[in-house]
N, C-alpha and C. Protein backbone atom coordinates (compact mmCIF):
# COMPACT_ATOMS: atom_id res chain seq x y z
N MET A 1 5.03 -10.67 1.65
CA MET A 1 4.41 -9.54 1.68
C MET A 1 3.35 -9.23 0.44
N ARG A 2 2.18 -8.66 0.93
CA ARG A 2 1.11 -8.53 0.11
C ARG A 2 0.75 -7.05 -0.07
N ALA A 3 0.27 -6.64 -1.06
CA ALA A 3 -0.12 -5.21 -1.30
C ALA A 3 -1.29 -5.21 -2.33
N VAL A 4 -1.99 -4.49 -1.84
CA VAL A 4 -3.28 -4.03 -2.56
C VAL A 4 -3.28 -2.71 -2.98
N LEU A 5 -3.16 -2.38 -4.22
CA LEU A 5 -2.89 -1.23 -4.96
C LEU A 5 -4.21 -0.65 -5.32
N GLN A 6 -4.54 0.48 -4.96
CA GLN A 6 -5.62 1.15 -5.50
C GLN A 6 -5.26 2.49 -6.21
N ARG A 7 -5.73 2.63 -7.53
CA ARG A 7 -5.13 3.84 -8.33
C ARG A 7 -6.28 4.95 -7.67
N VAL A 8 -5.70 5.99 -7.21
CA VAL A 8 -6.71 6.94 -6.63
C VAL A 8 -6.54 8.42 -7.34
N SER A 9 -7.67 9.13 -7.42
CA SER A 9 -7.57 10.65 -7.63
C SER A 9 -7.26 11.38 -6.46
N ARG A 10 -7.77 10.94 -5.31
CA ARG A 10 -7.06 11.54 -3.98
C ARG A 10 -7.24 10.52 -2.92
N ALA A 11 -6.67 10.52 -1.78
CA ALA A 11 -6.67 9.67 -0.78
C ALA A 11 -6.17 10.47 0.71
N LYS A 12 -6.65 9.91 1.63
CA LYS A 12 -6.37 10.83 2.87
C LYS A 12 -6.63 9.62 4.01
N VAL A 13 -5.72 9.69 4.93
CA VAL A 13 -5.62 8.92 6.14
C VAL A 13 -5.62 9.80 7.39
N GLU A 14 -6.61 9.38 8.31
CA GLU A 14 -6.87 10.16 9.63
C GLU A 14 -6.60 9.35 10.63
N VAL A 15 -5.94 9.51 11.98
CA VAL A 15 -6.06 9.04 13.26
C VAL A 15 -6.49 10.14 14.23
N ASP A 16 -7.34 9.68 15.06
CA ASP A 16 -7.89 10.38 16.05
C ASP A 16 -8.22 11.97 15.51
N GLY A 17 -8.93 11.90 14.46
CA GLY A 17 -9.35 13.25 13.84
C GLY A 17 -8.24 14.27 13.19
N GLN A 18 -6.94 13.58 13.22
CA GLN A 18 -5.95 14.27 12.70
C GLN A 18 -5.43 13.49 11.32
N THR A 19 -5.09 14.38 10.10
CA THR A 19 -4.76 13.77 8.83
C THR A 19 -3.21 13.35 8.93
N THR A 20 -2.93 12.27 8.71
CA THR A 20 -1.60 11.62 8.89
C THR A 20 -0.99 11.58 7.54
N ALA A 21 -1.74 11.58 6.42
CA ALA A 21 -1.34 11.51 5.09
C ALA A 21 -2.33 11.93 4.05
N GLN A 22 -2.06 12.72 3.02
CA GLN A 22 -3.16 13.23 2.15
C GLN A 22 -2.25 13.12 0.80
N ILE A 23 -2.92 12.71 -0.36
CA ILE A 23 -2.35 12.76 -1.73
C ILE A 23 -3.57 12.84 -2.75
N GLY A 24 -3.06 13.47 -3.88
CA GLY A 24 -3.92 13.66 -5.08
C GLY A 24 -3.74 12.27 -5.98
N ASN A 25 -3.54 12.57 -7.13
CA ASN A 25 -3.33 11.44 -8.03
C ASN A 25 -2.27 10.30 -7.54
N GLY A 26 -2.43 9.09 -7.54
CA GLY A 26 -1.48 8.26 -7.09
C GLY A 26 -2.08 6.84 -6.83
N LEU A 27 -1.29 6.37 -5.54
CA LEU A 27 -1.63 4.90 -5.22
C LEU A 27 -2.00 4.92 -3.76
N LEU A 28 -3.11 4.38 -3.35
CA LEU A 28 -3.38 3.90 -1.89
C LEU A 28 -2.68 2.45 -1.92
N ILE A 29 -1.74 2.28 -1.10
CA ILE A 29 -1.13 0.88 -0.86
C ILE A 29 -1.50 0.35 0.44
N LEU A 30 -2.42 -0.68 0.51
CA LEU A 30 -2.51 -1.55 1.66
C LEU A 30 -1.55 -2.42 1.71
N LEU A 31 -0.86 -2.55 2.78
CA LEU A 31 0.39 -3.53 2.91
C LEU A 31 0.29 -4.34 4.12
N GLY A 32 0.34 -5.61 3.73
CA GLY A 32 0.49 -6.78 4.71
C GLY A 32 1.83 -7.30 4.69
N VAL A 33 2.30 -7.65 5.97
CA VAL A 33 3.48 -8.32 6.14
C VAL A 33 3.23 -9.70 6.82
N THR A 34 3.95 -10.79 6.33
CA THR A 34 4.03 -12.21 6.91
C THR A 34 5.40 -12.58 7.49
N HIS A 35 5.15 -13.57 8.34
CA HIS A 35 6.43 -13.94 9.02
C HIS A 35 7.89 -13.99 8.34
N ALA A 36 7.75 -14.46 6.91
CA ALA A 36 9.09 -14.75 6.34
C ALA A 36 9.40 -13.58 5.61
N ASP A 37 8.69 -12.50 5.55
CA ASP A 37 9.16 -11.41 4.99
C ASP A 37 10.47 -10.49 5.51
N ARG A 38 11.21 -10.08 4.42
CA ARG A 38 12.47 -9.29 4.96
C ARG A 38 12.58 -8.02 4.15
N GLU A 39 13.71 -7.29 4.34
CA GLU A 39 13.93 -6.10 3.45
C GLU A 39 13.96 -6.36 2.11
N GLU A 40 14.55 -7.42 1.70
CA GLU A 40 14.59 -7.78 0.26
C GLU A 40 12.96 -7.82 -0.41
N ASN A 41 11.94 -8.39 0.36
CA ASN A 41 10.83 -8.47 -0.20
C ASN A 41 10.18 -7.03 -0.23
N ALA A 42 10.54 -6.06 0.61
CA ALA A 42 9.99 -4.92 0.57
C ALA A 42 10.64 -4.04 -0.62
N GLU A 43 11.78 -4.19 -0.72
CA GLU A 43 12.49 -3.62 -1.86
C GLU A 43 11.93 -3.97 -3.18
N LYS A 44 11.78 -5.20 -3.40
CA LYS A 44 11.21 -5.79 -4.65
C LYS A 44 9.70 -5.44 -4.96
N LEU A 45 8.82 -5.37 -3.72
CA LEU A 45 7.58 -4.87 -3.89
C LEU A 45 7.57 -3.47 -4.15
N ALA A 46 8.19 -2.62 -3.58
CA ALA A 46 8.11 -1.21 -3.73
C ALA A 46 8.57 -0.82 -5.25
N ARG A 47 9.65 -1.48 -5.68
CA ARG A 47 9.93 -1.19 -7.19
C ARG A 47 8.74 -1.56 -8.05
N LYS A 48 8.06 -2.70 -7.74
CA LYS A 48 7.12 -3.18 -8.65
C LYS A 48 5.97 -2.23 -8.61
N CYS A 49 5.64 -1.75 -7.19
CA CYS A 49 4.44 -0.89 -7.03
C CYS A 49 4.77 0.53 -7.79
N ALA A 50 6.17 0.91 -7.76
CA ALA A 50 6.40 2.31 -8.40
C ALA A 50 6.37 2.00 -10.10
N GLN A 51 6.53 0.89 -10.45
CA GLN A 51 6.76 0.44 -11.98
C GLN A 51 5.72 -0.01 -12.61
N ILE A 52 4.70 -0.45 -12.00
CA ILE A 52 3.64 -1.24 -12.61
C ILE A 52 2.88 -0.23 -13.37
N ARG A 53 2.43 -0.68 -14.64
CA ARG A 53 1.90 0.25 -15.60
C ARG A 53 0.22 0.14 -15.48
N ILE A 54 -0.33 0.99 -14.57
CA ILE A 54 -1.87 0.87 -14.35
C ILE A 54 -2.30 2.40 -14.35
N PHE A 55 -1.64 3.20 -14.93
CA PHE A 55 -2.25 4.74 -15.12
C PHE A 55 -2.39 4.73 -16.63
N PRO A 56 -3.30 5.59 -17.07
CA PRO A 56 -3.73 5.70 -18.35
C PRO A 56 -2.78 6.73 -19.18
N ASP A 57 -2.48 6.43 -20.33
CA ASP A 57 -1.69 7.10 -21.32
C ASP A 57 -2.59 8.02 -22.16
N ALA A 58 -2.11 8.65 -23.00
CA ALA A 58 -3.00 9.74 -23.85
C ALA A 58 -4.28 8.93 -24.53
N ASN A 59 -4.02 7.71 -24.78
CA ASN A 59 -4.99 6.74 -25.59
C ASN A 59 -5.89 5.99 -24.53
N GLU A 60 -5.79 6.47 -23.20
CA GLU A 60 -6.57 5.76 -22.15
C GLU A 60 -6.22 4.26 -21.89
N LYS A 61 -5.05 3.94 -22.36
CA LYS A 61 -4.47 2.46 -22.05
C LYS A 61 -3.56 2.44 -20.83
N MET A 62 -3.68 1.53 -20.10
CA MET A 62 -2.86 1.53 -18.95
C MET A 62 -1.48 1.02 -19.43
N ASN A 63 -0.72 2.08 -19.55
CA ASN A 63 0.57 2.06 -20.08
C ASN A 63 1.62 2.75 -19.23
N LEU A 64 1.08 3.59 -18.16
CA LEU A 64 2.23 4.44 -17.42
C LEU A 64 2.08 3.89 -15.96
N SER A 65 3.44 4.34 -15.37
CA SER A 65 3.56 3.88 -13.87
C SER A 65 3.35 5.08 -12.86
N LEU A 66 3.56 4.90 -11.83
CA LEU A 66 3.49 5.79 -10.74
C LEU A 66 4.52 6.82 -11.04
N LEU A 67 5.73 6.19 -11.32
CA LEU A 67 6.73 7.20 -11.76
C LEU A 67 6.64 8.06 -13.01
N ASP A 68 5.97 7.43 -14.15
CA ASP A 68 5.72 8.30 -15.41
C ASP A 68 4.85 9.35 -15.19
N VAL A 69 3.74 9.05 -14.08
CA VAL A 69 2.69 10.09 -13.88
C VAL A 69 3.11 10.95 -12.85
N ASN A 70 4.31 10.83 -12.28
CA ASN A 70 4.70 11.77 -11.04
C ASN A 70 3.71 11.73 -9.85
N GLY A 71 3.08 10.62 -9.85
CA GLY A 71 2.16 10.37 -8.64
C GLY A 71 2.66 10.30 -7.22
N SER A 72 1.99 10.18 -6.23
CA SER A 72 2.19 10.05 -4.86
C SER A 72 1.71 8.66 -4.52
N ALA A 73 2.05 8.28 -3.14
CA ALA A 73 1.53 7.20 -2.53
C ALA A 73 1.27 7.37 -1.02
N ILE A 74 0.25 6.55 -0.62
CA ILE A 74 0.07 6.54 0.87
C ILE A 74 0.20 4.97 1.11
N VAL A 75 0.87 4.65 2.11
CA VAL A 75 1.14 3.29 2.67
C VAL A 75 0.31 3.09 4.01
N VAL A 76 -0.44 2.09 3.86
CA VAL A 76 -1.27 1.87 5.07
C VAL A 76 -0.94 0.37 5.46
N SER A 77 -0.48 0.15 6.74
CA SER A 77 -0.28 -1.10 7.24
C SER A 77 -1.67 -1.96 7.41
N GLN A 78 -1.52 -3.18 6.94
CA GLN A 78 -3.11 -3.84 6.78
C GLN A 78 -2.72 -5.26 7.25
N PHE A 79 -2.72 -5.67 8.47
CA PHE A 79 -2.53 -7.02 8.84
C PHE A 79 -3.78 -8.11 8.32
N THR A 80 -4.74 -7.41 8.20
CA THR A 80 -6.01 -8.25 7.77
C THR A 80 -5.78 -8.88 6.34
N LEU A 81 -4.77 -8.59 5.59
CA LEU A 81 -4.65 -8.93 4.29
C LEU A 81 -4.32 -10.41 4.48
N TYR A 82 -3.69 -10.86 5.66
CA TYR A 82 -3.31 -12.16 5.82
C TYR A 82 -4.37 -12.83 6.71
N ALA A 83 -5.58 -12.52 6.56
CA ALA A 83 -6.81 -13.07 7.26
C ALA A 83 -6.93 -14.71 6.55
N ASP A 84 -7.12 -15.59 7.49
CA ASP A 84 -7.31 -16.97 7.08
C ASP A 84 -8.92 -17.25 7.32
N THR A 85 -9.62 -17.30 6.22
CA THR A 85 -11.13 -17.38 6.42
C THR A 85 -11.79 -18.73 6.09
N ARG A 86 -10.57 -19.75 6.06
CA ARG A 86 -11.20 -21.15 5.63
C ARG A 86 -12.04 -21.78 6.49
N LYS A 87 -11.97 -21.57 7.79
CA LYS A 87 -12.60 -22.30 8.84
C LYS A 87 -13.52 -21.20 9.58
N GLY A 88 -14.78 -21.78 9.73
CA GLY A 88 -15.50 -20.81 10.54
C GLY A 88 -15.79 -19.46 9.98
N LEU A 89 -16.59 -18.72 10.97
CA LEU A 89 -16.81 -17.23 10.31
C LEU A 89 -16.15 -16.12 11.04
N ARG A 90 -15.04 -16.51 11.88
CA ARG A 90 -13.97 -15.62 12.35
C ARG A 90 -12.69 -15.70 11.70
N PRO A 91 -12.22 -14.61 11.22
CA PRO A 91 -11.09 -14.89 10.56
C PRO A 91 -9.79 -14.85 11.50
N ALA A 92 -8.71 -15.84 11.15
CA ALA A 92 -7.60 -15.93 11.99
C ALA A 92 -6.46 -15.16 11.52
N PHE A 93 -5.63 -14.62 12.16
CA PHE A 93 -4.53 -13.90 11.54
C PHE A 93 -3.17 -14.39 11.80
N ILE A 94 -3.04 -15.54 11.98
CA ILE A 94 -1.88 -16.20 12.54
C ILE A 94 -0.73 -16.19 11.34
N ASP A 95 -1.02 -16.00 10.08
CA ASP A 95 -0.03 -15.69 9.08
C ASP A 95 0.43 -14.24 9.02
N ALA A 96 -0.06 -13.49 9.83
CA ALA A 96 0.28 -11.86 9.84
C ALA A 96 1.40 -11.95 10.77
N ALA A 97 2.47 -11.08 10.29
CA ALA A 97 3.64 -10.87 11.15
C ALA A 97 3.39 -10.08 12.40
N GLN A 98 4.07 -10.39 13.47
CA GLN A 98 3.93 -9.56 14.55
C GLN A 98 4.50 -8.11 14.51
N PRO A 99 3.78 -7.36 15.37
CA PRO A 99 4.24 -5.87 15.19
C PRO A 99 5.64 -5.53 15.17
N ASP A 100 6.65 -6.47 15.95
CA ASP A 100 8.05 -6.10 16.09
C ASP A 100 8.77 -6.35 14.66
N LEU A 101 8.17 -7.13 13.87
CA LEU A 101 8.87 -7.43 12.57
C LEU A 101 8.03 -6.61 11.47
N ALA A 102 6.72 -6.42 11.52
CA ALA A 102 5.85 -5.84 10.47
C ALA A 102 6.12 -4.33 10.57
N SER A 103 5.97 -3.60 11.56
CA SER A 103 6.26 -2.11 11.63
C SER A 103 7.37 -1.77 10.90
N PRO A 104 8.81 -2.24 11.45
CA PRO A 104 9.92 -1.87 10.59
C PRO A 104 9.87 -1.96 9.11
N LEU A 105 9.34 -3.14 8.67
CA LEU A 105 9.10 -3.64 7.30
C LEU A 105 8.29 -2.60 6.56
N VAL A 106 7.06 -2.01 7.13
CA VAL A 106 6.25 -1.29 6.45
C VAL A 106 6.88 0.09 6.41
N ASP A 107 7.63 0.69 7.50
CA ASP A 107 8.48 1.88 7.26
C ASP A 107 9.46 1.71 6.17
N TYR A 108 10.34 0.70 6.18
CA TYR A 108 11.27 0.42 5.17
C TYR A 108 10.66 0.29 3.67
N PHE A 109 9.37 -0.26 3.52
CA PHE A 109 8.75 -0.16 2.26
C PHE A 109 8.47 1.21 1.90
N ALA A 110 7.94 1.94 2.71
CA ALA A 110 7.70 3.31 2.33
C ALA A 110 8.97 4.13 2.07
N ASN A 111 9.95 3.97 2.79
CA ASN A 111 11.28 4.66 2.59
C ASN A 111 11.78 3.91 1.13
N CYS A 112 11.55 2.75 0.71
CA CYS A 112 12.14 2.30 -0.53
C CYS A 112 11.25 3.27 -1.59
N LEU A 113 10.03 3.34 -1.52
CA LEU A 113 9.34 4.19 -2.34
C LEU A 113 9.75 5.52 -2.49
N ARG A 114 10.08 6.20 -1.33
CA ARG A 114 10.77 7.51 -1.08
C ARG A 114 12.11 7.52 -2.15
N ASP A 115 12.90 6.63 -1.74
CA ASP A 115 14.19 6.49 -2.44
C ASP A 115 14.14 6.47 -4.03
N LEU A 116 12.82 5.75 -4.45
CA LEU A 116 12.71 5.87 -5.94
C LEU A 116 12.18 7.19 -6.53
N GLY A 117 11.98 8.28 -5.58
CA GLY A 117 11.53 9.35 -5.93
C GLY A 117 9.88 9.72 -5.88
N ILE A 118 9.34 8.79 -5.11
CA ILE A 118 7.87 9.10 -5.01
C ILE A 118 7.60 9.65 -3.72
N ALA A 119 6.74 10.63 -3.64
CA ALA A 119 6.27 11.46 -2.60
C ALA A 119 5.37 10.45 -1.85
N THR A 120 5.66 10.07 -0.53
CA THR A 120 5.01 8.84 0.20
C THR A 120 4.49 9.21 1.65
N GLY A 121 3.35 9.14 1.57
CA GLY A 121 2.89 9.31 3.23
C GLY A 121 2.46 7.96 3.78
N GLN A 122 2.11 7.88 5.15
CA GLN A 122 1.76 6.56 5.75
C GLN A 122 0.76 6.97 6.76
N GLY A 123 0.04 5.76 7.08
CA GLY A 123 -0.71 5.69 8.16
C GLY A 123 0.03 5.50 9.35
N VAL A 124 -0.65 5.20 10.50
CA VAL A 124 0.15 5.03 11.65
C VAL A 124 -0.20 3.70 12.19
N PHE A 125 1.18 3.01 12.13
CA PHE A 125 1.15 1.31 12.43
C PHE A 125 0.15 1.31 13.82
N GLY A 126 -0.83 0.08 13.77
CA GLY A 126 -1.24 -0.31 14.64
C GLY A 126 -2.48 0.56 15.18
N ALA A 127 -2.71 1.75 14.68
CA ALA A 127 -3.87 2.64 15.08
C ALA A 127 -5.03 2.51 14.30
N HIS A 128 -6.14 2.81 14.82
CA HIS A 128 -7.34 2.75 14.35
C HIS A 128 -7.52 4.01 13.28
N MET A 129 -7.50 3.71 12.02
CA MET A 129 -7.45 4.57 10.86
C MET A 129 -8.56 4.75 10.30
N LYS A 130 -9.07 6.04 9.73
CA LYS A 130 -9.98 6.43 8.81
C LYS A 130 -9.34 6.46 7.57
N VAL A 131 -9.76 5.72 6.32
CA VAL A 131 -9.08 5.83 5.26
C VAL A 131 -10.03 6.35 4.19
N GLU A 132 -9.86 7.51 3.62
CA GLU A 132 -10.76 7.97 2.53
C GLU A 132 -10.11 7.97 1.19
N LEU A 133 -10.69 7.46 0.16
CA LEU A 133 -10.26 7.53 -1.18
C LEU A 133 -11.42 7.77 -2.21
N LEU A 134 -10.77 8.31 -3.24
CA LEU A 134 -11.59 8.31 -4.44
C LEU A 134 -10.84 7.50 -5.59
N ASN A 135 -11.45 6.28 -5.70
CA ASN A 135 -10.64 5.14 -6.52
C ASN A 135 -10.91 5.71 -7.90
N ASP A 136 -9.80 5.69 -8.57
CA ASP A 136 -9.76 6.05 -9.98
C ASP A 136 -9.88 5.07 -11.05
N GLY A 137 -11.03 4.69 -11.80
CA GLY A 137 -11.14 3.56 -12.59
C GLY A 137 -12.65 2.92 -12.46
N PRO A 138 -12.69 1.95 -11.41
CA PRO A 138 -11.72 1.89 -10.32
C PRO A 138 -10.60 0.98 -10.90
N VAL A 139 -9.54 0.95 -10.38
CA VAL A 139 -8.44 -0.03 -10.79
C VAL A 139 -7.84 -0.43 -9.42
N THR A 140 -7.94 -1.75 -8.89
CA THR A 140 -7.54 -2.29 -7.77
C THR A 140 -6.58 -3.53 -8.14
N ILE A 141 -5.38 -3.49 -7.59
CA ILE A 141 -4.39 -4.66 -8.21
C ILE A 141 -3.70 -5.35 -6.84
N ILE A 142 -3.63 -6.60 -6.90
CA ILE A 142 -3.13 -7.39 -5.70
C ILE A 142 -1.58 -7.88 -6.22
N LEU A 143 -0.56 -7.47 -5.22
CA LEU A 143 0.56 -7.87 -5.67
C LEU A 143 1.19 -8.71 -4.47
N GLU A 144 2.13 -9.55 -4.68
CA GLU A 144 2.71 -10.49 -3.69
C GLU A 144 4.03 -10.87 -3.90
N THR A 145 4.80 -10.79 -2.87
CA THR A 145 6.22 -11.36 -2.96
C THR A 145 6.19 -12.88 -2.74
């Protein structure tokens, strides 16, 4: 499982002109699932996303977590995080899990964040989404299980 965390001042996801998720201060999490991923991977990664210290403290040092700042999250499924671009000019996505595995794991990951006390919105799995964000920093971190 692979996550790209973007620290945001605000973020929003729209599908067909309708807002499916919107947050203020927090994380936009682009989440990719591969064939070997299981619920244990989602749990571990959700805890890391909630606890990673990438928010500024009073001295502007990255010392606080999403939990510490009472931030929110939006989870957006992103199979393109497993793009293989080693050959040619067209990415291959053979390392991305099929929807029957990936969709439930994306939902499970989002629910793990909620269980940790984080208000969490989601995109719509498999939909064409418009993602809008105001990156704070900018701070962008890649995590993998």
